[in-house]
């Protein structure tokens, strides 16, 4: 299953933030959405998830139009979302945070599936601890695990490596590759760390001032593109 955007326009008050954004994600691959701060990357993710409205255009997932649907309806279609900053519930236990995704599952499971704990052994060991007591890297794993409880076919990650210790960053990168190659998920990733992108992503899309200015497979991410659109 894949995501197809066509001519997405979005405004904040009088500010035109997304301009004619169109692309189709390659299925079962990791695509990195790149760009300098403030160019509209997070806004685009929130538009896909229904957290901010699009002014016009089309966003289809597996042939179903997303625009006009509530965020929870988009999740039920098979889209998992890990926002920037993780947004776990610090007073709930690890297990309670994970259980929040259970109502969306098609199998109506009442317990966190063991495959989630197999992906994140640290979460199983800490399942009775409060989310707020975990380290930043552990909280990021919890946020990703919570999204995976939904059984998504598309996983959207907003800067999952931000503020995370290097060993956990590597684990997250390896997990992304495994989700695509073994579990056949499609991943849309916002990430500014070029080294991380080159190591773990398959494709890229560059936004500049709310417009798509370049896209392709990772080998096509040239030094010229990096200098023109990514270097601060």
C-alpha atoms as a PDB file:
ATOM      1  CA  UNK A   1       0.000   0.000   0.000  1.00  0.00           C
ATOM      2  CA  UNK A   2       1.251   3.453  -0.802  1.00  0.00           C
ATOM      3  CA  UNK A   3       0.472   7.149  -0.406  1.00  0.00           C
ATOM      4  CA  UNK A   4      -0.234   9.424  -3.341  1.00  0.00           C
ATOM      5  CA  UNK A   5      -0.438  13.204  -2.964  1.00  0.00           C
ATOM      6  CA  UNK A   6      -1.673  15.443  -5.775  1.00  0.00           C
ATOM      7  CA  UNK A   7      -1.562  19.249  -5.765  1.00  0.00           C
ATOM      8  CA  UNK A   8      -1.798  19.664  -1.985  1.00  0.00           C
ATOM      9  CA  UNK A   9      -2.156  23.299  -0.909  1.00  0.00           C
ATOM     10  CA  UNK A  10      -2.175  24.375   2.731  1.00  0.00           C
ATOM     11  CA  UNK A  11      -2.405  27.696   4.595  1.00  0.00           C
ATOM     12  CA  UNK A  12      -1.784  28.878   8.146  1.00  0.00           C
ATOM     13  CA  UNK A  13      -3.918  32.011   8.460  1.00  0.00           C
ATOM     14  CA  UNK A  14      -2.641  34.179   5.592  1.00  0.00           C
ATOM     15  CA  UNK A  15       0.598  32.211   5.183  1.00  0.00           C
ATOM     16  CA  UNK A  16       0.762  29.850   2.206  1.00  0.00           C
ATOM     17  CA  UNK A  17       2.758  26.900   3.595  1.00  0.00           C
ATOM     18  CA  UNK A  18       2.404  24.087   1.026  1.00  0.00           C
ATOM     19  CA  UNK A  19       2.386  24.768  -2.702  1.00  0.00           C
ATOM     20  CA  UNK A  20       1.137  22.175  -5.204  1.00  0.00           C
ATOM     21  CA  UNK A  21       2.802  19.272  -3.376  1.00  0.00           C
ATOM     22  CA  UNK A  22       2.624  16.073  -5.417  1.00  0.00           C
ATOM     23  CA  UNK A  23       4.410  12.747  -5.036  1.00  0.00           C
ATOM     24  CA  UNK A  24       3.806   9.008  -4.778  1.00  0.00           C
ATOM     25  CA  UNK A  25       5.671   6.942  -2.212  1.00  0.00           C
ATOM     26  CA  UNK A  26       7.325   3.756  -3.398  1.00  0.00           C
ATOM     27  CA  UNK A  27       5.736   0.835  -1.554  1.00  0.00           C
ATOM     28  CA  UNK A  28       7.769  -1.160   0.966  1.00  0.00           C
ATOM     29  CA  UNK A  29      10.596   1.398   0.918  1.00  0.00           C
ATOM     30  CA  UNK A  30      11.760   4.200   3.213  1.00  0.00           C
ATOM     31  CA  UNK A  31      11.386   7.668   1.722  1.00  0.00           C
ATOM     32  CA  UNK A  32      12.993  10.580   3.541  1.00  0.00           C
ATOM     33  CA  UNK A  33      11.292  13.976   3.371  1.00  0.00           C
ATOM     34  CA  UNK A  34      14.104  16.524   3.637  1.00  0.00           C
ATOM     35  CA  UNK A  35      14.551  20.280   3.776  1.00  0.00           C
ATOM     36  CA  UNK A  36      15.744  23.126   5.944  1.00  0.00           C
ATOM     37  CA  UNK A  37      13.838  24.178   9.062  1.00  0.00           C
ATOM     38  CA  UNK A  38      10.543  25.873   8.368  1.00  0.00           C
ATOM     39  CA  UNK A  39       9.996  24.658   4.804  1.00  0.00           C
ATOM     40  CA  UNK A  40       6.801  22.705   5.626  1.00  0.00           C
ATOM     41  CA  UNK A  41       7.930  19.141   6.373  1.00  0.00           C
ATOM     42  CA  UNK A  42       6.049  18.680   9.651  1.00  0.00           C
ATOM     43  CA  UNK A  43       3.077  20.596   8.254  1.00  0.00           C
ATOM     44  CA  UNK A  44       2.911  18.137   5.374  1.00  0.00           C
ATOM     45  CA  UNK A  45       2.940  15.150   7.730  1.00  0.00           C
ATOM     46  CA  UNK A  46       0.191  16.721   9.836  1.00  0.00           C
ATOM     47  CA  UNK A  47      -1.821  17.367   6.684  1.00  0.00           C
ATOM     48  CA  UNK A  48      -1.542  13.703   5.707  1.00  0.00           C
ATOM     49  CA  UNK A  49      -2.694  12.720   9.210  1.00  0.00           C
ATOM     50  CA  UNK A  50      -5.591  15.192   9.264  1.00  0.00           C
ATOM     51  CA  UNK A  51      -4.171  17.256  12.125  1.00  0.00           C
ATOM     52  CA  UNK A  52      -4.165  20.370   9.942  1.00  0.00           C
ATOM     53  CA  UNK A  53      -6.529  20.857   6.986  1.00  0.00           C
ATOM     54  CA  UNK A  54      -5.499  20.975   3.355  1.00  0.00           C
ATOM     55  CA  UNK A  55      -6.977  23.832   1.365  1.00  0.00           C
ATOM     56  CA  UNK A  56      -7.161  21.729  -1.798  1.00  0.00           C
ATOM     57  CA  UNK A  57      -5.709  18.730  -3.556  1.00  0.00           C
ATOM     58  CA  UNK A  58      -5.899  14.995  -3.029  1.00  0.00           C
ATOM     59  CA  UNK A  59      -4.243  12.558  -0.635  1.00  0.00           C
ATOM     60  CA  UNK A  60      -4.981   8.907  -1.318  1.00  0.00           C
ATOM     61  CA  UNK A  61      -3.815   5.885   0.637  1.00  0.00           C
ATOM     62  CA  UNK A  62      -4.432   2.466  -0.900  1.00  0.00           C
ATOM     63  CA  UNK A  63      -6.876   4.184  -3.263  1.00  0.00           C
ATOM     64  CA  UNK A  64      -8.919   5.788  -0.459  1.00  0.00           C
ATOM     65  CA  UNK A  65      -9.174   9.573  -0.271  1.00  0.00           C
ATOM     66  CA  UNK A  66      -7.878  10.815   3.081  1.00  0.00           C
ATOM     67  CA  UNK A  67      -8.866  14.471   2.913  1.00  0.00           C
ATOM     68  CA  UNK A  68     -12.005  15.053   4.918  1.00  0.00           C
ATOM     69  CA  UNK A  69     -11.446  12.024   7.147  1.00  0.00           C
ATOM     70  CA  UNK A  70     -10.689  12.395  10.847  1.00  0.00           C
ATOM     71  CA  UNK A  71      -7.223  11.391  12.135  1.00  0.00           C
ATOM     72  CA  UNK A  72      -8.559   8.248  13.814  1.00  0.00           C
ATOM     73  CA  UNK A  73     -10.192   7.153  10.551  1.00  0.00           C
ATOM     74  CA  UNK A  74      -6.846   7.529   8.796  1.00  0.00           C
ATOM     75  CA  UNK A  75      -5.208   5.412  11.488  1.00  0.00           C
ATOM     76  CA  UNK A  76      -7.813   2.696  10.954  1.00  0.00           C
ATOM     77  CA  UNK A  77      -6.919   2.636   7.266  1.00  0.00           C
ATOM     78  CA  UNK A  78      -3.410   1.569   8.264  1.00  0.00           C
ATOM     79  CA  UNK A  79      -1.361   4.725   8.837  1.00  0.00           C
ATOM     80  CA  UNK A  80       0.826   4.940  11.928  1.00  0.00           C
ATOM     81  CA  UNK A  81       2.254   8.305  12.994  1.00  0.00           C
ATOM     82  CA  UNK A  82       5.093   9.117  15.371  1.00  0.00           C
ATOM     83  CA  UNK A  83       5.181  12.911  15.849  1.00  0.00           C
ATOM     84  CA  UNK A  84       8.199  15.022  16.561  1.00  0.00           C
ATOM     85  CA  UNK A  85       8.738  15.021  20.320  1.00  0.00           C
ATOM     86  CA  UNK A  86       7.226  11.524  20.654  1.00  0.00           C
ATOM     87  CA  UNK A  87       4.138  12.652  22.682  1.00  0.00           C
ATOM     88  CA  UNK A  88       3.933   9.581  24.882  1.00  0.00           C
ATOM     89  CA  UNK A  89       1.847   9.752  28.070  1.00  0.00           C
ATOM     90  CA  UNK A  90       4.431  10.110  30.855  1.00  0.00           C
ATOM     91  CA  UNK A  91       2.123   9.088  33.710  1.00  0.00           C
ATOM     92  CA  UNK A  92       1.002   5.877  32.000  1.00  0.00           C
ATOM     93  CA  UNK A  93       3.117   2.745  32.089  1.00  0.00           C
ATOM     94  CA  UNK A  94       4.912   1.502  28.999  1.00  0.00           C
ATOM     95  CA  UNK A  95       2.293  -1.215  28.607  1.00  0.00           C
ATOM     96  CA  UNK A  96      -0.584   1.260  28.995  1.00  0.00           C
ATOM     97  CA  UNK A  97       0.953   3.524  26.341  1.00  0.00           C
ATOM     98  CA  UNK A  98       1.175   0.581  23.949  1.00  0.00           C
ATOM     99  CA  UNK A  99      -2.381  -0.530  24.711  1.00  0.00           C
ATOM    100  CA  UNK A 100      -3.700   2.769  23.353  1.00  0.00           C
ATOM    101  CA  UNK A 101      -3.288   1.385  19.852  1.00  0.00           C
ATOM    102  CA  UNK A 102      -5.284  -1.792  20.448  1.00  0.00           C
ATOM    103  CA  UNK A 103      -8.780  -0.459  19.547  1.00  0.00           C
ATOM    104  CA  UNK A 104      -7.619   0.182  15.965  1.00  0.00           C
ATOM    105  CA  UNK A 105      -6.336  -3.364  15.380  1.00  0.00           C
ATOM    106  CA  UNK A 106      -8.294  -5.539  12.994  1.00  0.00           C
ATOM    107  CA  UNK A 107      -7.904  -8.639  15.166  1.00  0.00           C
ATOM    108  CA  UNK A 108      -9.446  -6.881  18.213  1.00  0.00           C
ATOM    109  CA  UNK A 109      -6.539  -8.017  20.400  1.00  0.00           C
ATOM    110  CA  UNK A 110      -6.829  -7.041  24.055  1.00  0.00           C
ATOM    111  CA  UNK A 111      -3.155  -7.410  24.919  1.00  0.00           C
ATOM    112  CA  UNK A 112      -0.029  -5.948  23.383  1.00  0.00           C
ATOM    113  CA  UNK A 113       1.159  -8.470  20.774  1.00  0.00           C
ATOM    114  CA  UNK A 114       4.399 -10.252  21.578  1.00  0.00           C
ATOM    115  CA  UNK A 115       5.856  -9.209  18.222  1.00  0.00           C
ATOM    116  CA  UNK A 116       5.997  -5.615  19.498  1.00  0.00           C
ATOM    117  CA  UNK A 117       8.067  -6.702  22.471  1.00  0.00           C
ATOM    118  CA  UNK A 118      10.203  -8.838  20.141  1.00  0.00           C
ATOM    119  CA  UNK A 119      11.030  -5.683  18.153  1.00  0.00           C
ATOM    120  CA  UNK A 120      11.709  -3.713  21.344  1.00  0.00           C
ATOM    121  CA  UNK A 121      12.968  -6.020  24.117  1.00  0.00           C
ATOM    122  CA  UNK A 122      13.685  -3.016  26.349  1.00  0.00           C
ATOM    123  CA  UNK A 123       9.965  -2.192  26.373  1.00  0.00           C
ATOM    124  CA  UNK A 124       9.092  -5.660  27.612  1.00  0.00           C
ATOM    125  CA  UNK A 125      11.640  -5.364  30.414  1.00  0.00           C
ATOM    126  CA  UNK A 126      10.214  -1.950  31.378  1.00  0.00           C
ATOM    127  CA  UNK A 127       6.541  -2.528  30.606  1.00  0.00           C
ATOM    128  CA  UNK A 128       5.429  -1.709  34.165  1.00  0.00           C
ATOM    129  CA  UNK A 129       7.470   1.495  34.424  1.00  0.00           C
ATOM    130  CA  UNK A 130       5.978   4.901  33.698  1.00  0.00           C
ATOM    131  CA  UNK A 131       6.715   6.293  30.267  1.00  0.00           C
ATOM    132  CA  UNK A 132       8.087   9.476  31.773  1.00  0.00           C
ATOM    133  CA  UNK A 133      10.780   7.499  33.591  1.00  0.00           C
ATOM    134  CA  UNK A 134      12.313   6.190  30.360  1.00  0.00           C
ATOM    135  CA  UNK A 135      15.311   7.758  28.644  1.00  0.00           C
ATOM    136  CA  UNK A 136      14.776   9.775  25.483  1.00  0.00           C
ATOM    137  CA  UNK A 137      15.817   6.869  23.296  1.00  0.00           C
ATOM    138  CA  UNK A 138      13.544   4.454  25.131  1.00  0.00           C
ATOM    139  CA  UNK A 139      10.648   6.903  24.822  1.00  0.00           C
ATOM    140  CA  UNK A 140      11.245   7.067  21.074  1.00  0.00           C
ATOM    141  CA  UNK A 141      11.128   3.292  20.877  1.00  0.00           C
ATOM    142  CA  UNK A 142       7.904   3.388  22.892  1.00  0.00           C
ATOM    143  CA  UNK A 143       6.389   5.922  20.491  1.00  0.00           C
ATOM    144  CA  UNK A 144       7.312   3.783  17.488  1.00  0.00           C
ATOM    145  CA  UNK A 145       6.047   0.644  19.228  1.00  0.00           C
ATOM    146  CA  UNK A 146       2.743   2.340  19.993  1.00  0.00           C
ATOM    147  CA  UNK A 147       2.342   3.225  16.308  1.00  0.00           C
ATOM    148  CA  UNK A 148       3.171  -0.342  15.273  1.00  0.00           C
ATOM    149  CA  UNK A 149       0.489  -1.758  17.593  1.00  0.00           C
ATOM    150  CA  UNK A 150      -2.011  -0.305  15.100  1.00  0.00           C
ATOM    151  CA  UNK A 151      -0.751  -2.766  12.429  1.00  0.00           C
ATOM    152  CA  UNK A 152       0.054   0.035   9.978  1.00  0.00           C
ATOM    153  CA  UNK A 153       0.974  -0.435   6.346  1.00  0.00           C
ATOM    154  CA  UNK A 154       2.385   3.102   6.231  1.00  0.00           C
ATOM    155  CA  UNK A 155       4.509   4.397   9.101  1.00  0.00           C
ATOM    156  CA  UNK A 156       5.203   8.140   9.299  1.00  0.00           C
ATOM    157  CA  UNK A 157       8.119   9.245  11.497  1.00  0.00           C
ATOM    158  CA  UNK A 158       8.960  12.880  12.253  1.00  0.00           C
ATOM    159  CA  UNK A 159      12.669  13.176  13.152  1.00  0.00           C
ATOM    160  CA  UNK A 160      12.962   9.946  15.151  1.00  0.00           C
ATOM    161  CA  UNK A 161      16.725  10.425  15.663  1.00  0.00           C
ATOM    162  CA  UNK A 162      16.412  13.894  17.217  1.00  0.00           C
ATOM    163  CA  UNK A 163      18.068  14.107  20.641  1.00  0.00           C
ATOM    164  CA  UNK A 164      18.695  10.356  20.820  1.00  0.00           C
ATOM    165  CA  UNK A 165      21.915   8.661  21.885  1.00  0.00           C
ATOM    166  CA  UNK A 166      23.912   7.219  18.932  1.00  0.00           C
ATOM    167  CA  UNK A 167      23.399   3.531  19.754  1.00  0.00           C
ATOM    168  CA  UNK A 168      19.614   3.976  19.817  1.00  0.00           C
ATOM    169  CA  UNK A 169      19.760   5.996  16.584  1.00  0.00           C
ATOM    170  CA  UNK A 170      21.442   3.011  14.919  1.00  0.00           C
ATOM    171  CA  UNK A 171      18.802   0.654  16.333  1.00  0.00           C
ATOM    172  CA  UNK A 172      16.019   2.851  14.968  1.00  0.00           C
ATOM    173  CA  UNK A 173      17.669   2.954  11.547  1.00  0.00           C
ATOM    174  CA  UNK A 174      18.032  -0.812  11.479  1.00  0.00           C
ATOM    175  CA  UNK A 175      14.419  -1.190  12.590  1.00  0.00           C
ATOM    176  CA  UNK A 176      13.252   1.006   9.701  1.00  0.00           C
ATOM    177  CA  UNK A 177      15.101  -1.207   7.238  1.00  0.00           C
ATOM    178  CA  UNK A 178      13.614  -4.322   8.811  1.00  0.00           C
ATOM    179  CA  UNK A 179      10.076  -2.913   8.703  1.00  0.00           C
ATOM    180  CA  UNK A 180      10.406  -2.259   4.977  1.00  0.00           C
ATOM    181  CA  UNK A 181      12.287  -5.377   3.924  1.00  0.00           C
ATOM    182  CA  UNK A 182      10.858  -8.037   6.214  1.00  0.00           C
ATOM    183  CA  UNK A 183       7.467  -6.719   7.323  1.00  0.00           C
ATOM    184  CA  UNK A 184       6.747  -4.939   4.010  1.00  0.00           C
ATOM    185  CA  UNK A 185       5.793  -1.586   5.492  1.00  0.00           C
ATOM    186  CA  UNK A 186       6.144   1.706   3.648  1.00  0.00           C
ATOM    187  CA  UNK A 187       7.942   4.372   5.692  1.00  0.00           C
ATOM    188  CA  UNK A 188       7.815   8.153   5.262  1.00  0.00           C
ATOM    189  CA  UNK A 189      10.538   9.712   7.357  1.00  0.00           C
ATOM    190  CA  UNK A 190      11.435  13.318   8.144  1.00  0.00           C
ATOM    191  CA  UNK A 191      15.093  13.482   9.102  1.00  0.00           C
ATOM    192  CA  UNK A 192      17.787  16.161   8.926  1.00  0.00           C
ATOM    193  CA  UNK A 193      20.807  13.992   9.730  1.00  0.00           C
ATOM    194  CA  UNK A 194      22.289  13.378   6.299  1.00  0.00           C
ATOM    195  CA  UNK A 195      24.426  10.471   7.480  1.00  0.00           C
ATOM    196  CA  UNK A 196      21.357   8.702   8.876  1.00  0.00           C
ATOM    197  CA  UNK A 197      19.435   9.297   5.642  1.00  0.00           C
ATOM    198  CA  UNK A 198      22.214   7.964   3.422  1.00  0.00           C
ATOM    199  CA  UNK A 199      22.547   4.867   5.590  1.00  0.00           C
ATOM    200  CA  UNK A 200      18.916   3.881   6.082  1.00  0.00           C
ATOM    201  CA  UNK A 201      16.624   5.529   3.494  1.00  0.00           C
ATOM    202  CA  UNK A 202      15.886   4.260  -0.020  1.00  0.00           C
ATOM    203  CA  UNK A 203      14.417   7.388  -1.608  1.00  0.00           C
ATOM    204  CA  UNK A 204      14.248  11.116  -0.911  1.00  0.00           C
ATOM    205  CA  UNK A 205      11.972  14.109  -1.442  1.00  0.00           C
ATOM    206  CA  UNK A 206      13.240  17.642  -0.855  1.00  0.00           C
ATOM    207  CA  UNK A 207      10.922  20.480   0.140  1.00  0.00           C
ATOM    208  CA  UNK A 208      11.954  24.111  -0.213  1.00  0.00           C
ATOM    209  CA  UNK A 209       9.575  26.921   0.740  1.00  0.00           C
ATOM    210  CA  UNK A 210       6.659  24.499   0.708  1.00  0.00           C
ATOM    211  CA  UNK A 211       7.358  23.065  -2.752  1.00  0.00           C
ATOM    212  CA  UNK A 212       8.835  19.766  -3.896  1.00  0.00           C
ATOM    213  CA  UNK A 213      12.070  20.746  -5.629  1.00  0.00           C
ATOM    214  CA  UNK A 214      13.767  17.343  -6.039  1.00  0.00           C
ATOM    215  CA  UNK A 215      13.118  13.653  -5.527  1.00  0.00           C
ATOM    216  CA  UNK A 216      14.562  10.301  -6.461  1.00  0.00           C
ATOM    217  CA  UNK A 217      16.458   7.306  -5.194  1.00  0.00           C
ATOM    218  CA  UNK A 218      19.215   7.936  -2.642  1.00  0.00           C
ATOM    219  CA  UNK A 219      22.094   7.711  -5.148  1.00  0.00           C
ATOM    220  CA  UNK A 220      20.533  10.721  -6.904  1.00  0.00           C
ATOM    221  CA  UNK A 221      20.955  12.877  -3.769  1.00  0.00           C
ATOM    222  CA  UNK A 222      23.964  14.748  -5.094  1.00  0.00           C
ATOM    223  CA  UNK A 223      26.288  17.130  -3.299  1.00  0.00           C
ATOM    224  CA  UNK A 224      24.822  19.899  -5.454  1.00  0.00           C
ATOM    225  CA  UNK A 225      21.291  19.192  -4.193  1.00  0.00           C
ATOM    226  CA  UNK A 226      22.538  19.063  -0.621  1.00  0.00           C
ATOM    227  CA  UNK A 227      24.348  22.401  -1.008  1.00  0.00           C
ATOM    228  CA  UNK A 228      21.390  24.064  -2.723  1.00  0.00           C
ATOM    229  CA  UNK A 229      18.537  22.917  -0.482  1.00  0.00           C
ATOM    230  CA  UNK A 230      19.815  21.346   2.739  1.00  0.00           C
ATOM    231  CA  UNK A 231      22.944  23.084   3.961  1.00  0.00           C
ATOM    232  CA  UNK A 232      22.210  25.930   6.370  1.00  0.00           C
END
